[in-house]
Amino acid sequence: MKHFFFTILLLIAWSSIYAQDLQQVAYTYKATYELQFKIDSTDSESIKSEPVLLYLSTNQSRYLSLSQQLKDSLFSTLDRKNRSMAEFSRVRSMIPKTEFNYVIFKSKPENKLVYAEKIFKDKFKYMEDLEMRDWQIKAETKEILSYTAQKAEIEFAGRNYTAWFTAEIPFSDGPYKFTGLPGLILEIYDDQDHYHFTLSGFQKFSKPVAPFLNLNTYKTIAKSDLLQIKENFDEDPISALEAAGVKLDFANSSLSKTQAKRDLSNSKSKKNNPIELITN
């Protein structure tokens, strides 16, 4: 029993040190992608797009949506300068909404990734091994933004993907969790074209940048637990907010609480096409 608890303590300590290492990295390059995705698999018109960012250093990377980065910067500014909530709300309303409220860190030396997400007021993270060793590299090539890109294919999380990577940018990395090719992924899409990432720009910083996110404030949980928490919140956000102590007043609203719940449930039913169809 003592050995068991000692092992748990070691894992927690390693998780904390690893998170600290990730959040202190200075990045030298940034790849910008346009992500086009179908949020409702039953509706061919439910296509959206967002810019997403991949920060790169020699051994580590950081991936997030542009809107998520803007939100993180806003929260950081609010904390530093003690801005009023009115000003905070005004600026926040100007930031485009994102469907992707998470950050993904990849570490090549540790062969690990960290997925971190804030769900309302709670912060969670989980870790995974970098497991993309089954790429099938093809001879076919094409040009993307003046780079010669080579074709590769893989099955990941229930989808079959085609990727185009270039050895001219020697980072074995790509958007989201994609990694493991001998060069940066410039374009990747699944065979139904529900998720399609396309490189729109690649930049070398004149000085390394170090966007900060305190991962030690995020609770480490199992991936399955995080997905369940998200599912519960999405299914009934009003009850989740009330359970968290948020007081919602429907007395002066044109919507009743029941109608609001029904509308939110209908909205949730249209978000039925996650990037990972298989999550274990």
C-alpha atoms as a PDB file:
ATOM      1  CA  MET A   1       0.000   0.000   0.000  1.00  0.00           C
ATOM      2  CA  LYS A   2       2.850   2.397   0.867  1.00  0.00           C
ATOM      3  CA  HIS A   3       4.477   1.573  -2.467  1.00  0.00           C
ATOM      4  CA  PHE A   4       1.206   2.367  -4.284  1.00  0.00           C
ATOM      5  CA  PHE A   5       0.853   5.808  -2.685  1.00  0.00           C
ATOM      6  CA  PHE A   6       4.537   6.553  -3.318  1.00  0.00           C
ATOM      7  CA  THR A   7       4.040   5.732  -7.005  1.00  0.00           C
ATOM      8  CA  ILE A   8       1.016   8.041  -7.188  1.00  0.00           C
ATOM      9  CA  LEU A   9       3.001  10.869  -5.587  1.00  0.00           C
ATOM     10  CA  LEU A  10       5.808  10.367  -8.102  1.00  0.00           C
ATOM     11  CA  LEU A  11       3.336  10.544 -10.999  1.00  0.00           C
ATOM     12  CA  ILE A  12       1.799  13.763  -9.658  1.00  0.00           C
ATOM     13  CA  ALA A  13       5.244  15.300  -9.148  1.00  0.00           C
ATOM     14  CA  TRP A  14       6.360  14.301 -12.652  1.00  0.00           C
ATOM     15  CA  SER A  15       3.139  15.721 -14.111  1.00  0.00           C
ATOM     16  CA  SER A  16       3.767  19.052 -12.359  1.00  0.00           C
ATOM     17  CA  ILE A  17       7.404  19.263 -13.504  1.00  0.00           C
ATOM     18  CA  TYR A  18       6.471  18.281 -17.057  1.00  0.00           C
ATOM     19  CA  ALA A  19       3.691  20.900 -17.187  1.00  0.00           C
ATOM     20  CA  GLN A  20       6.094  23.544 -15.887  1.00  0.00           C
ATOM     21  CA  ASP A  21       8.618  22.668 -18.608  1.00  0.00           C
ATOM     22  CA  LEU A  22       5.935  22.947 -21.288  1.00  0.00           C
ATOM     23  CA  GLN A  23       4.648  26.335 -20.217  1.00  0.00           C
ATOM     24  CA  GLN A  24       8.126  27.930 -20.128  1.00  0.00           C
ATOM     25  CA  VAL A  25       9.085  27.092 -23.730  1.00  0.00           C
ATOM     26  CA  ALA A  26      10.094  29.874 -26.118  1.00  0.00           C
ATOM     27  CA  TYR A  27       8.945  29.220 -29.679  1.00  0.00           C
ATOM     28  CA  THR A  28      10.878  30.266 -32.776  1.00  0.00           C
ATOM     29  CA  TYR A  29       8.322  29.540 -35.522  1.00  0.00           C
ATOM     30  CA  LYS A  30       4.569  29.768 -36.033  1.00  0.00           C
ATOM     31  CA  ALA A  31       2.484  27.879 -38.587  1.00  0.00           C
ATOM     32  CA  THR A  32      -0.997  29.261 -39.266  1.00  0.00           C
ATOM     33  CA  TYR A  33      -3.667  26.974 -40.697  1.00  0.00           C
ATOM     34  CA  GLU A  34      -7.223  27.488 -41.851  1.00  0.00           C
ATOM     35  CA  LEU A  35      -9.382  24.740 -40.383  1.00  0.00           C
ATOM     36  CA  GLN A  36     -12.597  24.027 -42.272  1.00  0.00           C
ATOM     37  CA  PHE A  37     -14.913  21.634 -40.456  1.00  0.00           C
ATOM     38  CA  LYS A  38     -18.445  20.265 -40.540  1.00  0.00           C
ATOM     39  CA  ILE A  39     -20.005  20.650 -37.113  1.00  0.00           C
ATOM     40  CA  ASP A  40     -23.164  18.645 -37.965  1.00  0.00           C
ATOM     41  CA  SER A  41     -22.532  15.428 -39.880  1.00  0.00           C
ATOM     42  CA  THR A  42     -26.193  15.307 -40.994  1.00  0.00           C
ATOM     43  CA  ASP A  43     -26.193  18.808 -42.519  1.00  0.00           C
ATOM     44  CA  SER A  44     -24.047  19.447 -45.587  1.00  0.00           C
ATOM     45  CA  GLU A  45     -24.413  23.205 -45.034  1.00  0.00           C
ATOM     46  CA  SER A  46     -23.012  23.195 -41.483  1.00  0.00           C
ATOM     47  CA  ILE A  47     -19.492  24.064 -42.626  1.00  0.00           C
ATOM     48  CA  LYS A  48     -17.467  26.485 -40.528  1.00  0.00           C
ATOM     49  CA  SER A  49     -13.873  27.653 -40.579  1.00  0.00           C
ATOM     50  CA  GLU A  50     -11.400  29.034 -38.052  1.00  0.00           C
ATOM     51  CA  PRO A  51      -7.727  30.001 -38.095  1.00  0.00           C
ATOM     52  CA  VAL A  52      -5.616  27.780 -35.834  1.00  0.00           C
ATOM     53  CA  LEU A  53      -2.006  28.218 -34.735  1.00  0.00           C
ATOM     54  CA  LEU A  54       0.937  25.871 -34.210  1.00  0.00           C
ATOM     55  CA  TYR A  55       3.923  27.310 -32.325  1.00  0.00           C
ATOM     56  CA  LEU A  56       7.137  25.371 -32.874  1.00  0.00           C
ATOM     57  CA  SER A  57      10.447  24.965 -31.059  1.00  0.00           C
ATOM     58  CA  THR A  58      13.151  22.339 -31.466  1.00  0.00           C
ATOM     59  CA  ASN A  59      11.532  19.782 -29.169  1.00  0.00           C
ATOM     60  CA  GLN A  60       8.067  21.077 -28.304  1.00  0.00           C
ATOM     61  CA  SER A  61       4.992  22.648 -29.867  1.00  0.00           C
ATOM     62  CA  ARG A  62       1.799  24.405 -28.818  1.00  0.00           C
ATOM     63  CA  TYR A  63      -1.481  24.234 -30.796  1.00  0.00           C
ATOM     64  CA  LEU A  64      -4.650  26.283 -30.290  1.00  0.00           C
ATOM     65  CA  SER A  65      -7.252  28.299 -32.175  1.00  0.00           C
ATOM     66  CA  LEU A  66      -6.611  31.986 -32.804  1.00  0.00           C
ATOM     67  CA  SER A  67      -9.735  32.904 -30.820  1.00  0.00           C
ATOM     68  CA  GLN A  68      -8.559  30.798 -27.875  1.00  0.00           C
ATOM     69  CA  GLN A  69      -5.220  32.610 -27.930  1.00  0.00           C
ATOM     70  CA  LEU A  70      -7.000  35.971 -27.902  1.00  0.00           C
ATOM     71  CA  LYS A  71      -9.111  34.843 -24.938  1.00  0.00           C
ATOM     72  CA  ASP A  72      -6.035  33.638 -23.042  1.00  0.00           C
ATOM     73  CA  SER A  73      -4.304  36.970 -23.658  1.00  0.00           C
ATOM     74  CA  LEU A  74      -7.376  38.842 -22.467  1.00  0.00           C
ATOM     75  CA  PHE A  75      -7.578  36.859 -19.220  1.00  0.00           C
ATOM     76  CA  SER A  76      -3.847  37.404 -18.668  1.00  0.00           C
ATOM     77  CA  THR A  77      -4.225  41.169 -19.166  1.00  0.00           C
ATOM     78  CA  LEU A  78      -7.209  41.267 -16.816  1.00  0.00           C
ATOM     79  CA  ASP A  79      -5.240  39.469 -14.111  1.00  0.00           C
ATOM     80  CA  ARG A  80      -2.200  41.756 -14.482  1.00  0.00           C
ATOM     81  CA  LYS A  81      -3.954  45.097 -14.647  1.00  0.00           C
ATOM     82  CA  ASN A  82      -7.084  44.449 -12.597  1.00  0.00           C
ATOM     83  CA  ARG A  83      -9.300  45.816 -15.341  1.00  0.00           C
ATOM     84  CA  SER A  84     -12.989  46.268 -14.569  1.00  0.00           C
ATOM     85  CA  MET A  85     -15.358  43.452 -15.478  1.00  0.00           C
ATOM     86  CA  ALA A  86     -17.298  45.890 -17.670  1.00  0.00           C
ATOM     87  CA  GLU A  87     -14.200  46.566 -19.751  1.00  0.00           C
ATOM     88  CA  PHE A  88     -13.332  42.883 -19.776  1.00  0.00           C
ATOM     89  CA  SER A  89     -16.824  41.965 -21.035  1.00  0.00           C
ATOM     90  CA  ARG A  90     -16.691  44.664 -23.696  1.00  0.00           C
ATOM     91  CA  VAL A  91     -13.373  43.451 -25.099  1.00  0.00           C
ATOM     92  CA  ARG A  92     -14.328  39.780 -24.810  1.00  0.00           C
ATOM     93  CA  SER A  93     -17.464  40.379 -26.874  1.00  0.00           C
ATOM     94  CA  MET A  94     -15.222  41.493 -29.746  1.00  0.00           C
ATOM     95  CA  ILE A  95     -13.356  38.164 -29.866  1.00  0.00           C
ATOM     96  CA  PRO A  96     -14.805  35.692 -32.404  1.00  0.00           C
ATOM     97  CA  LYS A  97     -16.287  32.595 -30.794  1.00  0.00           C
ATOM     98  CA  THR A  98     -14.388  29.351 -31.179  1.00  0.00           C
ATOM     99  CA  GLU A  99     -15.523  25.744 -31.257  1.00  0.00           C
ATOM    100  CA  PHE A 100     -12.103  24.717 -29.928  1.00  0.00           C
ATOM    101  CA  ASN A 101     -11.478  25.895 -26.367  1.00  0.00           C
ATOM    102  CA  TYR A 102      -8.347  23.883 -25.715  1.00  0.00           C
ATOM    103  CA  VAL A 103      -4.570  23.976 -26.015  1.00  0.00           C
ATOM    104  CA  ILE A 104      -2.417  21.003 -27.037  1.00  0.00           C
ATOM    105  CA  PHE A 105       1.260  20.765 -26.123  1.00  0.00           C
ATOM    106  CA  LYS A 106       3.523  18.130 -27.690  1.00  0.00           C
ATOM    107  CA  SER A 107       6.916  17.167 -26.239  1.00  0.00           C
ATOM    108  CA  LYS A 108       9.211  15.046 -28.424  1.00  0.00           C
ATOM    109  CA  PRO A 109      11.799  14.196 -25.704  1.00  0.00           C
ATOM    110  CA  GLU A 110       9.039  12.897 -23.430  1.00  0.00           C
ATOM    111  CA  ASN A 111       7.006  11.455 -26.331  1.00  0.00           C
ATOM    112  CA  LYS A 112       3.918  12.949 -24.662  1.00  0.00           C
ATOM    113  CA  LEU A 113       1.180  15.441 -25.378  1.00  0.00           C
ATOM    114  CA  VAL A 114      -0.873  17.473 -22.928  1.00  0.00           C
ATOM    115  CA  TYR A 115      -4.447  18.491 -23.764  1.00  0.00           C
ATOM    116  CA  ALA A 116      -5.660  21.369 -21.551  1.00  0.00           C
ATOM    117  CA  GLU A 117      -9.166  22.831 -21.513  1.00  0.00           C
ATOM    118  CA  LYS A 118     -11.191  25.167 -19.324  1.00  0.00           C
ATOM    119  CA  ILE A 119     -14.834  24.124 -18.935  1.00  0.00           C
ATOM    120  CA  PHE A 120     -16.695  27.079 -17.452  1.00  0.00           C
ATOM    121  CA  LYS A 121     -14.719  27.826 -14.255  1.00  0.00           C
ATOM    122  CA  ASP A 122     -12.896  24.495 -14.021  1.00  0.00           C
ATOM    123  CA  LYS A 123      -9.548  23.681 -15.641  1.00  0.00           C
ATOM    124  CA  PHE A 124      -8.600  20.156 -16.666  1.00  0.00           C
ATOM    125  CA  LYS A 125      -5.808  18.437 -18.552  1.00  0.00           C
ATOM    126  CA  TYR A 126      -4.920  14.924 -19.643  1.00  0.00           C
ATOM    127  CA  MET A 127      -1.795  13.343 -21.081  1.00  0.00           C
ATOM    128  CA  GLU A 128      -1.327  10.950 -23.977  1.00  0.00           C
ATOM    129  CA  ASP A 129       1.579   9.247 -25.692  1.00  0.00           C
ATOM    130  CA  LEU A 130       2.508  10.569 -29.126  1.00  0.00           C
ATOM    131  CA  GLU A 131       1.349   7.525 -31.067  1.00  0.00           C
ATOM    132  CA  MET A 132       1.476   8.169 -34.797  1.00  0.00           C
ATOM    133  CA  ARG A 133       3.856   5.546 -36.134  1.00  0.00           C
ATOM    134  CA  ASP A 134       1.586   3.999 -38.771  1.00  0.00           C
ATOM    135  CA  TRP A 135       1.939   6.570 -41.526  1.00  0.00           C
ATOM    136  CA  GLN A 136       1.952   5.223 -45.080  1.00  0.00           C
ATOM    137  CA  ILE A 137       4.193   7.578 -47.079  1.00  0.00           C
ATOM    138  CA  LYS A 138       3.387   7.760 -50.797  1.00  0.00           C
ATOM    139  CA  ALA A 139       5.475   8.874 -53.776  1.00  0.00           C
ATOM    140  CA  GLU A 140       2.959  11.512 -54.903  1.00  0.00           C
ATOM    141  CA  THR A 141       3.927  15.173 -54.437  1.00  0.00           C
ATOM    142  CA  LYS A 142       2.392  18.602 -54.987  1.00  0.00           C
ATOM    143  CA  GLU A 143       3.236  22.226 -54.240  1.00  0.00           C
ATOM    144  CA  ILE A 144       1.750  24.089 -51.268  1.00  0.00           C
ATOM    145  CA  LEU A 145       2.771  27.712 -50.669  1.00  0.00           C
ATOM    146  CA  SER A 146       5.954  27.161 -52.733  1.00  0.00           C
ATOM    147  CA  TYR A 147       6.926  24.089 -50.660  1.00  0.00           C
ATOM    148  CA  THR A 148       7.186  20.644 -52.226  1.00  0.00           C
ATOM    149  CA  ALA A 149       4.800  18.468 -50.230  1.00  0.00           C
ATOM    150  CA  GLN A 150       4.647  14.674 -50.178  1.00  0.00           C
ATOM    151  CA  LYS A 151       1.560  12.568 -49.574  1.00  0.00           C
ATOM    152  CA  ALA A 152       1.008  10.326 -46.542  1.00  0.00           C
ATOM    153  CA  GLU A 153      -1.977   8.478 -45.113  1.00  0.00           C
ATOM    154  CA  ILE A 154      -3.020   7.305 -41.653  1.00  0.00           C
ATOM    155  CA  GLU A 155      -6.044   6.148 -39.654  1.00  0.00           C
ATOM    156  CA  PHE A 156      -6.539   8.147 -36.465  1.00  0.00           C
ATOM    157  CA  ALA A 157      -9.390   8.159 -33.931  1.00  0.00           C
ATOM    158  CA  GLY A 158     -11.903   6.626 -36.321  1.00  0.00           C
ATOM    159  CA  ARG A 159     -11.088   8.705 -39.404  1.00  0.00           C
ATOM    160  CA  ASN A 160      -8.872   8.052 -42.429  1.00  0.00           C
ATOM    161  CA  TYR A 161      -6.588  11.000 -43.175  1.00  0.00           C
ATOM    162  CA  THR A 162      -4.527  12.168 -46.114  1.00  0.00           C
ATOM    163  CA  ALA A 163      -1.643  14.462 -45.201  1.00  0.00           C
ATOM    164  CA  TRP A 164       0.800  16.518 -47.235  1.00  0.00           C
ATOM    165  CA  PHE A 165       4.103  17.221 -45.497  1.00  0.00           C
ATOM    166  CA  THR A 166       7.361  18.881 -46.493  1.00  0.00           C
ATOM    167  CA  ALA A 167      10.919  17.966 -45.530  1.00  0.00           C
ATOM    168  CA  GLU A 168      11.818  21.584 -46.345  1.00  0.00           C
ATOM    169  CA  ILE A 169      10.472  22.531 -42.889  1.00  0.00           C
ATOM    170  CA  PRO A 170      12.170  19.945 -40.630  1.00  0.00           C
ATOM    171  CA  PHE A 171       9.605  19.785 -37.823  1.00  0.00           C
ATOM    172  CA  SER A 172       7.955  16.401 -37.286  1.00  0.00           C
ATOM    173  CA  ASP A 173       4.696  18.063 -36.300  1.00  0.00           C
ATOM    174  CA  GLY A 174       1.345  19.315 -37.490  1.00  0.00           C
ATOM    175  CA  PRO A 175      -1.988  20.766 -36.363  1.00  0.00           C
ATOM    176  CA  TYR A 176      -4.064  19.206 -33.582  1.00  0.00           C
ATOM    177  CA  LYS A 177      -2.433  15.935 -32.415  1.00  0.00           C
ATOM    178  CA  PHE A 178      -0.907  15.059 -35.771  1.00  0.00           C
ATOM    179  CA  THR A 179       2.815  14.284 -35.704  1.00  0.00           C
ATOM    180  CA  GLY A 180       5.357  11.659 -36.745  1.00  0.00           C
ATOM    181  CA  LEU A 181       6.185  12.549 -40.363  1.00  0.00           C
ATOM    182  CA  PRO A 182       9.681  13.596 -41.556  1.00  0.00           C
ATOM    183  CA  GLY A 183       8.648  17.225 -41.968  1.00  0.00           C
ATOM    184  CA  LEU A 184       5.890  19.693 -41.140  1.00  0.00           C
ATOM    185  CA  ILE A 185       2.334  18.809 -42.181  1.00  0.00           C
ATOM    186  CA  LEU A 186       1.083  21.530 -44.544  1.00  0.00           C
ATOM    187  CA  GLU A 187      -2.341  20.068 -45.253  1.00  0.00           C
ATOM    188  CA  ILE A 188      -4.362  17.233 -43.745  1.00  0.00           C
ATOM    189  CA  TYR A 189      -7.974  16.126 -44.178  1.00  0.00           C
ATOM    190  CA  ASP A 190     -10.159  13.076 -43.540  1.00  0.00           C
ATOM    191  CA  ASP A 191     -11.714  11.059 -46.348  1.00  0.00           C
ATOM    192  CA  GLN A 192     -15.132  12.691 -45.827  1.00  0.00           C
ATOM    193  CA  ASP A 193     -13.566  16.156 -45.677  1.00  0.00           C
ATOM    194  CA  HIS A 194     -15.249  16.883 -42.346  1.00  0.00           C
ATOM    195  CA  TYR A 195     -11.974  18.283 -40.951  1.00  0.00           C
ATOM    196  CA  HIS A 196      -9.581  19.982 -43.344  1.00  0.00           C
ATOM    197  CA  PHE A 197      -6.445  21.843 -42.207  1.00  0.00           C
ATOM    198  CA  THR A 198      -4.567  23.944 -44.777  1.00  0.00           C
ATOM    199  CA  LEU A 199      -1.402  25.930 -44.108  1.00  0.00           C
ATOM    200  CA  SER A 200      -1.963  29.632 -44.781  1.00  0.00           C
ATOM    201  CA  GLY A 201       1.311  31.016 -43.444  1.00  0.00           C
ATOM    202  CA  PHE A 202       4.653  30.095 -41.894  1.00  0.00           C
ATOM    203  CA  GLN A 203       6.641  32.611 -39.872  1.00  0.00           C
ATOM    204  CA  LYS A 204      10.015  32.719 -38.143  1.00  0.00           C
ATOM    205  CA  PHE A 205      10.054  35.093 -35.182  1.00  0.00           C
ATOM    206  CA  SER A 206      12.803  37.708 -35.011  1.00  0.00           C
ATOM    207  CA  LYS A 207      12.897  36.924 -31.276  1.00  0.00           C
ATOM    208  CA  PRO A 208      11.557  33.739 -29.659  1.00  0.00           C
ATOM    209  CA  VAL A 209       8.101  34.181 -28.138  1.00  0.00           C
ATOM    210  CA  ALA A 210       6.940  32.516 -24.937  1.00  0.00           C
ATOM    211  CA  PRO A 211       3.136  32.631 -24.568  1.00  0.00           C
ATOM    212  CA  PHE A 212       2.433  31.607 -20.988  1.00  0.00           C
ATOM    213  CA  LEU A 213      -0.230  29.272 -19.687  1.00  0.00           C
ATOM    214  CA  ASN A 214      -0.007  28.065 -16.097  1.00  0.00           C
ATOM    215  CA  LEU A 215      -0.715  24.377 -16.571  1.00  0.00           C
ATOM    216  CA  ASN A 216      -0.182  23.728 -12.882  1.00  0.00           C
ATOM    217  CA  THR A 217      -3.598  25.331 -12.278  1.00  0.00           C
ATOM    218  CA  TYR A 218      -5.185  22.591 -14.427  1.00  0.00           C
ATOM    219  CA  LYS A 219      -6.290  19.388 -12.707  1.00  0.00           C
ATOM    220  CA  THR A 220      -4.919  16.199 -14.270  1.00  0.00           C
ATOM    221  CA  ILE A 221      -7.693  13.697 -14.975  1.00  0.00           C
ATOM    222  CA  ALA A 222      -8.290  10.792 -17.338  1.00  0.00           C
ATOM    223  CA  LYS A 223      -9.253  11.639 -20.898  1.00  0.00           C
ATOM    224  CA  SER A 224     -12.524   9.726 -20.485  1.00  0.00           C
ATOM    225  CA  ASP A 225     -13.390  11.801 -17.411  1.00  0.00           C
ATOM    226  CA  LEU A 226     -12.757  15.084 -19.214  1.00  0.00           C
ATOM    227  CA  LEU A 227     -14.936  13.992 -22.128  1.00  0.00           C
ATOM    228  CA  GLN A 228     -17.705  13.049 -19.691  1.00  0.00           C
ATOM    229  CA  ILE A 229     -17.496  16.436 -17.947  1.00  0.00           C
ATOM    230  CA  LYS A 230     -17.764  18.180 -21.325  1.00  0.00           C
ATOM    231  CA  GLU A 231     -20.698  15.976 -22.301  1.00  0.00           C
ATOM    232  CA  ASN A 232     -22.532  16.740 -19.046  1.00  0.00           C
ATOM    233  CA  PHE A 233     -21.975  20.480 -19.444  1.00  0.00           C
ATOM    234  CA  ASP A 234     -23.080  20.473 -23.084  1.00  0.00           C
ATOM    235  CA  GLU A 235     -26.171  18.392 -22.310  1.00  0.00           C
ATOM    236  CA  ASP A 236     -27.452  20.771 -19.619  1.00  0.00           C
ATOM    237  CA  PRO A 237     -25.322  23.921 -19.240  1.00  0.00           C
ATOM    238  CA  ILE A 238     -28.015  25.733 -17.221  1.00  0.00           C
ATOM    239  CA  SER A 239     -27.996  23.085 -14.492  1.00  0.00           C
ATOM    240  CA  ALA A 240     -24.188  23.018 -14.586  1.00  0.00           C
ATOM    241  CA  LEU A 241     -24.027  26.794 -14.129  1.00  0.00           C
ATOM    242  CA  GLU A 242     -26.537  26.716 -11.280  1.00  0.00           C
ATOM    243  CA  ALA A 243     -24.594  23.906  -9.599  1.00  0.00           C
ATOM    244  CA  ALA A 244     -21.501  26.120  -9.809  1.00  0.00           C
ATOM    245  CA  GLY A 245     -23.315  28.876  -7.938  1.00  0.00           C
ATOM    246  CA  VAL A 246     -24.273  31.075 -10.900  1.00  0.00           C
ATOM    247  CA  LYS A 247     -27.676  32.693 -10.402  1.00  0.00           C
ATOM    248  CA  LEU A 248     -29.739  32.814 -13.585  1.00  0.00           C
ATOM    249  CA  ASP A 249     -32.775  35.118 -13.576  1.00  0.00           C
ATOM    250  CA  PHE A 250     -35.470  34.250 -16.116  1.00  0.00           C
ATOM    251  CA  ALA A 251     -38.100  36.538 -14.552  1.00  0.00           C
ATOM    252  CA  ASN A 252     -37.408  39.386 -16.975  1.00  0.00           C
ATOM    253  CA  SER A 253     -36.567  37.199 -19.937  1.00  0.00           C
ATOM    254  CA  SER A 254     -38.739  36.407 -22.926  1.00  0.00           C
ATOM    255  CA  LEU A 255     -37.586  32.797 -22.524  1.00  0.00           C
ATOM    256  CA  SER A 256     -38.637  30.492 -19.733  1.00  0.00           C
ATOM    257  CA  LYS A 257     -36.043  28.270 -18.108  1.00  0.00           C
ATOM    258  CA  THR A 258     -37.640  25.245 -19.778  1.00  0.00           C
ATOM    259  CA  GLN A 259     -37.525  26.889 -23.210  1.00  0.00           C
ATOM    260  CA  ALA A 260     -33.915  27.958 -22.691  1.00  0.00           C
ATOM    261  CA  LYS A 261     -32.961  24.381 -21.835  1.00  0.00           C
ATOM    262  CA  ARG A 262     -34.819  23.112 -24.910  1.00  0.00           C
ATOM    263  CA  ASP A 263     -33.063  25.610 -27.201  1.00  0.00           C
ATOM    264  CA  LEU A 264     -29.660  24.703 -25.784  1.00  0.00           C
ATOM    265  CA  SER A 265     -30.427  21.008 -26.210  1.00  0.00           C
ATOM    266  CA  ASN A 266     -31.379  21.577 -29.860  1.00  0.00           C
ATOM    267  CA  SER A 267     -28.143  23.491 -30.387  1.00  0.00           C
ATOM    268  CA  LYS A 268     -26.167  20.647 -28.803  1.00  0.00           C
ATOM    269  CA  SER A 269     -27.787  18.081 -31.125  1.00  0.00           C
ATOM    270  CA  LYS A 270     -26.343  19.962 -34.115  1.00  0.00           C
ATOM    271  CA  LYS A 271     -22.794  19.588 -32.750  1.00  0.00           C
ATOM    272  CA  ASN A 272     -22.502  15.875 -33.341  1.00  0.00           C
ATOM    273  CA  ASN A 273     -19.288  15.516 -35.322  1.00  0.00           C
ATOM    274  CA  PRO A 274     -16.169  15.627 -33.105  1.00  0.00           C
ATOM    275  CA  ILE A 275     -12.765  15.281 -34.706  1.00  0.00           C
ATOM    276  CA  GLU A 276     -12.157  12.092 -32.692  1.00  0.00           C
ATOM    277  CA  LEU A 277     -14.868   9.515 -33.365  1.00  0.00           C
ATOM    278  CA  ILE A 278     -12.997   6.912 -31.309  1.00  0.00           C
ATOM    279  CA  THR A 279     -11.589   8.303 -28.067  1.00  0.00           C
ATOM    280  CA  ASN A 280      -9.978   5.353 -26.282  1.00  0.00           C
END
